[in-house]
Amino acid sequence: MGELGEKLKGHGNKHMGDAKQAVGEMTDNERLEAEGKRQELKGRGQNVKGEIEGALGNDV
């Protein structure tokens, strides 16, 4: 997908995960809070993947 695409997906997932966690905390919904944490971590991983792709070029 490329560096920029991975970073964009990563930022989207991270922010959506943060929002789900916040709503889960406010509503005492542990399932939503956990889902948000998973999505945030997925986004962080995508950001790292994008950084690696950027550092190595498109050879990844």
N, C-alpha and C. Protein backbone atom coordinates (compact mmCIF):
# COMPACT_ATOMS: atom_id res chain seq x y z
N MET A 1 0.83 -1.18 0.00
CA MET A 1 0.00 0.00 0.00
C MET A 1 0.87 1.24 0.00
N GLY A 2 2.02 1.17 0.58
CA GLY A 2 2.89 2.32 0.61
C GLY A 2 2.88 3.03 1.94
N GLU A 3 3.90 3.81 2.13
CA GLU A 3 4.11 4.50 3.41
C GLU A 3 2.93 5.38 3.78
N LEU A 4 2.52 6.25 2.89
CA LEU A 4 1.45 7.21 3.20
C LEU A 4 0.14 6.49 3.50
N GLY A 5 -0.19 5.50 2.68
CA GLY A 5 -1.44 4.76 2.89
C GLY A 5 -1.49 4.07 4.24
N GLU A 6 -0.39 3.43 4.62
CA GLU A 6 -0.35 2.76 5.92
C GLU A 6 -0.46 3.76 7.06
N LYS A 7 0.22 4.89 6.91
CA LYS A 7 0.15 5.90 7.97
C LYS A 7 -1.26 6.46 8.10
N LEU A 8 -1.94 6.70 6.97
CA LEU A 8 -3.31 7.22 7.02
C LEU A 8 -4.25 6.22 7.67
N LYS A 9 -4.14 4.96 7.27
CA LYS A 9 -4.97 3.92 7.88
C LYS A 9 -4.66 3.82 9.37
N GLY A 10 -3.38 3.90 9.70
CA GLY A 10 -2.97 3.81 11.09
C GLY A 10 -3.54 4.94 11.94
N HIS A 11 -3.45 6.16 11.43
CA HIS A 11 -3.99 7.30 12.18
C HIS A 11 -5.50 7.16 12.35
N GLY A 12 -6.18 6.73 11.30
CA GLY A 12 -7.63 6.54 11.40
C GLY A 12 -8.00 5.52 12.45
N ASN A 13 -7.32 4.37 12.42
CA ASN A 13 -7.61 3.33 13.40
C ASN A 13 -7.25 3.76 14.82
N LYS A 14 -6.15 4.46 14.97
CA LYS A 14 -5.74 4.91 16.30
C LYS A 14 -6.78 5.87 16.88
N HIS A 15 -7.20 6.84 16.09
CA HIS A 15 -8.16 7.83 16.60
C HIS A 15 -9.54 7.22 16.83
N MET A 16 -9.96 6.31 15.95
CA MET A 16 -11.24 5.64 16.16
C MET A 16 -11.18 4.77 17.41
N GLY A 17 -10.05 4.12 17.61
CA GLY A 17 -9.88 3.31 18.82
C GLY A 17 -9.91 4.15 20.08
N ASP A 18 -9.24 5.31 20.03
CA ASP A 18 -9.27 6.22 21.17
C ASP A 18 -10.70 6.64 21.50
N ALA A 19 -11.47 6.95 20.46
CA ALA A 19 -12.86 7.37 20.66
C ALA A 19 -13.70 6.24 21.26
N LYS A 20 -13.52 5.03 20.75
CA LYS A 20 -14.27 3.89 21.29
C LYS A 20 -13.92 3.64 22.75
N GLN A 21 -12.64 3.78 23.07
CA GLN A 21 -12.23 3.60 24.47
C GLN A 21 -12.90 4.63 25.37
N ALA A 22 -12.92 5.87 24.92
CA ALA A 22 -13.52 6.94 25.71
C ALA A 22 -15.01 6.70 25.93
N VAL A 23 -15.71 6.32 24.87
CA VAL A 23 -17.15 6.06 24.99
C VAL A 23 -17.37 4.85 25.89
N GLY A 24 -16.54 3.83 25.73
CA GLY A 24 -16.65 2.65 26.58
C GLY A 24 -16.45 2.98 28.05
N GLU A 25 -15.49 3.84 28.34
CA GLU A 25 -15.24 4.25 29.73
C GLU A 25 -16.42 5.05 30.28
N MET A 26 -16.96 5.96 29.47
CA MET A 26 -18.06 6.82 29.93
C MET A 26 -19.34 6.02 30.17
N THR A 27 -19.54 4.97 29.39
CA THR A 27 -20.77 4.19 29.49
C THR A 27 -20.58 2.88 30.26
N ASP A 28 -19.40 2.67 30.82
CA ASP A 28 -19.07 1.43 31.52
C ASP A 28 -19.27 0.20 30.63
N ASN A 29 -18.92 0.35 29.37
CA ASN A 29 -19.03 -0.74 28.40
C ASN A 29 -17.63 -1.31 28.18
N GLU A 30 -17.31 -2.37 28.92
CA GLU A 30 -15.97 -2.95 28.86
C GLU A 30 -15.65 -3.52 27.47
N ARG A 31 -16.66 -4.09 26.82
CA ARG A 31 -16.46 -4.66 25.49
C ARG A 31 -16.04 -3.59 24.49
N LEU A 32 -16.72 -2.46 24.50
CA LEU A 32 -16.40 -1.36 23.59
C LEU A 32 -15.03 -0.78 23.92
N GLU A 33 -14.73 -0.68 25.20
CA GLU A 33 -13.43 -0.17 25.63
C GLU A 33 -12.30 -1.08 25.13
N ALA A 34 -12.49 -2.39 25.25
CA ALA A 34 -11.48 -3.35 24.79
C ALA A 34 -11.35 -3.32 23.27
N GLU A 35 -12.48 -3.21 22.58
CA GLU A 35 -12.46 -3.11 21.12
C GLU A 35 -11.68 -1.87 20.69
N GLY A 36 -11.89 -0.78 21.39
CA GLY A 36 -11.17 0.46 21.10
C GLY A 36 -9.68 0.31 21.31
N LYS A 37 -9.30 -0.37 22.37
CA LYS A 37 -7.87 -0.58 22.66
C LYS A 37 -7.23 -1.42 21.55
N ARG A 38 -7.93 -2.47 21.11
CA ARG A 38 -7.41 -3.30 20.01
C ARG A 38 -7.24 -2.48 18.74
N GLN A 39 -8.23 -1.64 18.43
CA GLN A 39 -8.16 -0.83 17.23
C GLN A 39 -7.05 0.21 17.33
N GLU A 40 -6.86 0.78 18.51
CA GLU A 40 -5.77 1.74 18.70
C GLU A 40 -4.42 1.07 18.46
N LEU A 41 -4.25 -0.13 19.02
CA LEU A 41 -2.98 -0.85 18.85
C LEU A 41 -2.75 -1.23 17.39
N LYS A 42 -3.83 -1.61 16.70
CA LYS A 42 -3.72 -1.91 15.27
C LYS A 42 -3.24 -0.68 14.52
N GLY A 43 -3.79 0.47 14.85
CA GLY A 43 -3.38 1.72 14.21
C GLY A 43 -1.93 2.05 14.48
N ARG A 44 -1.50 1.83 15.71
CA ARG A 44 -0.09 2.08 16.03
C ARG A 44 0.82 1.17 15.21
N GLY A 45 0.41 -0.08 15.05
CA GLY A 45 1.18 -1.02 14.24
C GLY A 45 1.25 -0.59 12.78
N GLN A 46 0.14 -0.10 12.26
CA GLN A 46 0.13 0.37 10.88
C GLN A 46 1.04 1.58 10.72
N ASN A 47 1.07 2.45 11.71
CA ASN A 47 1.97 3.61 11.65
C ASN A 47 3.42 3.15 11.61
N VAL A 48 3.76 2.17 12.44
CA VAL A 48 5.13 1.65 12.46
C VAL A 48 5.47 1.02 11.11
N LYS A 49 4.53 0.27 10.56
CA LYS A 49 4.75 -0.35 9.25
C LYS A 49 5.01 0.73 8.20
N GLY A 50 4.24 1.80 8.24
CA GLY A 50 4.45 2.90 7.30
C GLY A 50 5.81 3.55 7.47
N GLU A 51 6.24 3.71 8.72
CA GLU A 51 7.57 4.28 8.99
C GLU A 51 8.67 3.38 8.43
N ILE A 52 8.51 2.08 8.62
CA ILE A 52 9.51 1.13 8.11
C ILE A 52 9.54 1.16 6.59
N GLU A 53 8.36 1.17 5.97
CA GLU A 53 8.30 1.24 4.51
C GLU A 53 8.97 2.51 4.01
N GLY A 54 8.77 3.61 4.73
CA GLY A 54 9.40 4.86 4.34
C GLY A 54 10.91 4.81 4.46
N ALA A 55 11.39 4.16 5.50
CA ALA A 55 12.83 4.07 5.72
C ALA A 55 13.50 3.14 4.71
N LEU A 56 12.81 2.07 4.33
CA LEU A 56 13.39 1.09 3.42
C LEU A 56 13.02 1.32 1.96
N GLY A 57 12.12 2.23 1.72
CA GLY A 57 11.62 2.44 0.37
C GLY A 57 10.53 1.43 0.07
N ASN A 58 10.20 1.25 -1.16
CA ASN A 58 9.13 0.34 -1.54
C ASN A 58 9.63 -1.08 -1.73
N ASP A 59 10.78 -1.41 -1.17
CA ASP A 59 11.33 -2.76 -1.29
C ASP A 59 10.72 -3.73 -0.30
N VAL A 60 9.85 -3.24 0.59
CA VAL A 60 9.27 -4.10 1.63
C VAL A 60 8.16 -4.93 1.03
